[in-house]
N, C-alpha and C. Protein backbone atom coordinates (compact mmCIF):
# COMPACT_ATOMS: atom_id res chain seq x y z
N UNK A 1 67.57 164.26 92.73
CA UNK A 1 66.64 164.35 91.64
C UNK A 1 66.42 165.79 91.20
N UNK A 2 65.40 165.95 90.43
CA UNK A 2 65.07 167.28 89.91
C UNK A 2 64.39 168.11 90.98
N UNK A 3 64.62 169.41 90.96
CA UNK A 3 63.92 170.28 91.92
C UNK A 3 62.43 170.35 91.59
N UNK A 4 61.63 170.51 92.61
CA UNK A 4 60.18 170.63 92.43
C UNK A 4 59.88 172.02 91.88
N UNK A 5 59.04 172.09 90.86
CA UNK A 5 58.66 173.37 90.27
C UNK A 5 57.23 173.72 90.64
N UNK A 6 56.95 175.00 90.74
CA UNK A 6 55.62 175.46 91.12
C UNK A 6 54.60 175.20 90.01
N UNK A 7 55.03 175.36 88.77
CA UNK A 7 54.13 175.17 87.63
C UNK A 7 54.63 173.98 86.82
N UNK A 8 53.76 172.99 86.66
CA UNK A 8 54.14 171.83 85.85
C UNK A 8 54.12 172.20 84.38
N UNK A 9 55.10 171.70 83.67
CA UNK A 9 55.20 171.95 82.23
C UNK A 9 54.74 170.71 81.49
N UNK A 10 54.02 170.89 80.40
CA UNK A 10 53.61 169.71 79.62
C UNK A 10 54.81 169.09 78.92
N UNK A 11 54.73 167.79 78.69
CA UNK A 11 55.77 167.09 77.94
C UNK A 11 55.54 167.36 76.46
N UNK A 12 56.64 167.57 75.72
CA UNK A 12 56.56 167.89 74.30
C UNK A 12 57.54 167.03 73.53
N UNK A 13 57.08 166.46 72.45
CA UNK A 13 57.97 165.75 71.53
C UNK A 13 58.01 166.57 70.25
N UNK A 14 59.22 166.91 69.82
CA UNK A 14 59.36 167.67 68.58
C UNK A 14 60.65 167.26 67.89
N UNK A 15 60.69 167.48 66.60
CA UNK A 15 61.88 167.14 65.82
C UNK A 15 62.69 168.41 65.56
N UNK A 16 63.98 168.31 65.80
CA UNK A 16 64.90 169.40 65.49
C UNK A 16 66.11 168.80 64.78
N UNK A 17 66.84 169.62 64.08
CA UNK A 17 68.04 169.15 63.40
C UNK A 17 69.05 168.68 64.44
N UNK A 18 69.77 167.62 64.10
CA UNK A 18 70.73 167.02 65.03
C UNK A 18 71.78 168.02 65.49
N UNK A 19 72.25 168.87 64.58
CA UNK A 19 73.29 169.82 64.96
C UNK A 19 72.77 170.86 65.95
N UNK A 20 71.50 171.22 65.84
CA UNK A 20 70.91 172.18 66.78
C UNK A 20 70.83 171.54 68.16
N UNK A 21 70.33 170.31 68.21
CA UNK A 21 70.23 169.60 69.49
C UNK A 21 71.61 169.42 70.11
N UNK A 22 72.57 169.01 69.31
CA UNK A 22 73.94 168.82 69.81
C UNK A 22 74.51 170.10 70.39
N UNK A 23 74.23 171.23 69.73
CA UNK A 23 74.74 172.52 70.21
C UNK A 23 74.17 172.86 71.58
N UNK A 24 72.87 172.64 71.76
CA UNK A 24 72.27 172.91 73.07
C UNK A 24 72.79 171.94 74.13
N UNK A 25 72.87 170.66 73.80
CA UNK A 25 73.35 169.67 74.76
C UNK A 25 74.79 169.95 75.16
N UNK A 26 75.59 170.48 74.23
CA UNK A 26 76.99 170.78 74.50
C UNK A 26 77.16 171.89 75.54
N UNK A 27 76.09 172.66 75.78
CA UNK A 27 76.19 173.73 76.77
C UNK A 27 76.07 173.21 78.19
N UNK A 28 75.79 171.91 78.34
CA UNK A 28 75.77 171.28 79.66
C UNK A 28 74.39 171.24 80.28
N UNK A 29 74.35 170.90 81.57
CA UNK A 29 73.07 170.79 82.26
C UNK A 29 72.25 172.07 82.13
N UNK A 30 70.95 171.89 81.96
CA UNK A 30 70.07 173.03 81.79
C UNK A 30 69.77 173.35 80.34
N UNK A 31 70.23 172.48 79.43
CA UNK A 31 70.04 172.77 78.00
C UNK A 31 68.57 172.84 77.62
N UNK A 32 67.71 172.04 78.24
CA UNK A 32 66.28 172.10 77.93
C UNK A 32 65.68 173.43 78.39
N UNK A 33 66.13 173.91 79.53
CA UNK A 33 65.68 175.20 80.04
C UNK A 33 66.11 176.32 79.09
N UNK A 34 67.32 176.21 78.54
CA UNK A 34 67.80 177.22 77.59
C UNK A 34 66.99 177.19 76.29
N UNK A 35 66.61 175.99 75.83
CA UNK A 35 65.74 175.91 74.65
C UNK A 35 64.42 176.61 74.94
N UNK A 36 63.86 176.37 76.12
CA UNK A 36 62.61 177.02 76.50
C UNK A 36 62.77 178.54 76.50
N UNK A 37 63.90 179.03 77.00
CA UNK A 37 64.14 180.48 77.04
C UNK A 37 64.21 181.06 75.63
N UNK A 38 64.85 180.35 74.71
CA UNK A 38 64.95 180.81 73.32
C UNK A 38 63.56 180.86 72.70
N UNK A 39 62.76 179.82 72.93
CA UNK A 39 61.40 179.80 72.38
C UNK A 39 60.54 180.90 73.00
N UNK A 40 60.67 181.12 74.30
CA UNK A 40 59.91 182.18 74.98
C UNK A 40 60.28 183.55 74.41
N UNK A 41 61.56 183.78 74.16
CA UNK A 41 62.02 185.05 73.58
C UNK A 41 61.44 185.23 72.17
N UNK A 42 61.41 184.14 71.40
CA UNK A 42 60.84 184.22 70.05
C UNK A 42 59.37 184.59 70.10
N UNK A 43 58.63 184.00 71.03
CA UNK A 43 57.21 184.32 71.18
C UNK A 43 57.04 185.78 71.60
N UNK A 44 57.86 186.23 72.53
CA UNK A 44 57.76 187.60 73.03
C UNK A 44 58.04 188.63 71.94
N UNK A 45 58.88 188.25 70.97
CA UNK A 45 59.24 189.18 69.91
C UNK A 45 58.43 188.96 68.63
N UNK A 46 57.37 188.19 68.71
CA UNK A 46 56.46 188.03 67.57
C UNK A 46 57.08 187.36 66.38
N UNK A 47 57.54 186.15 66.55
CA UNK A 47 58.13 185.40 65.45
C UNK A 47 57.12 185.25 64.32
N UNK A 48 57.57 185.46 63.10
CA UNK A 48 56.73 185.32 61.91
C UNK A 48 56.66 183.85 61.52
N UNK A 49 55.63 183.47 60.79
CA UNK A 49 55.51 182.10 60.30
C UNK A 49 56.63 181.81 59.31
N UNK A 50 57.09 180.56 59.33
CA UNK A 50 58.17 180.16 58.42
C UNK A 50 57.66 179.99 57.01
């Protein structure tokens, strides 16, 4: 199963373009963690509103 994590993460439902999701899934296991890393980097660099 999944490894136990020290900090529980909330469940999130969000809509993304199919091609974006496919690109992340194509990178293999850990794709959700990579999405989280991209979002964390965006927050750290002060993403502007769309």
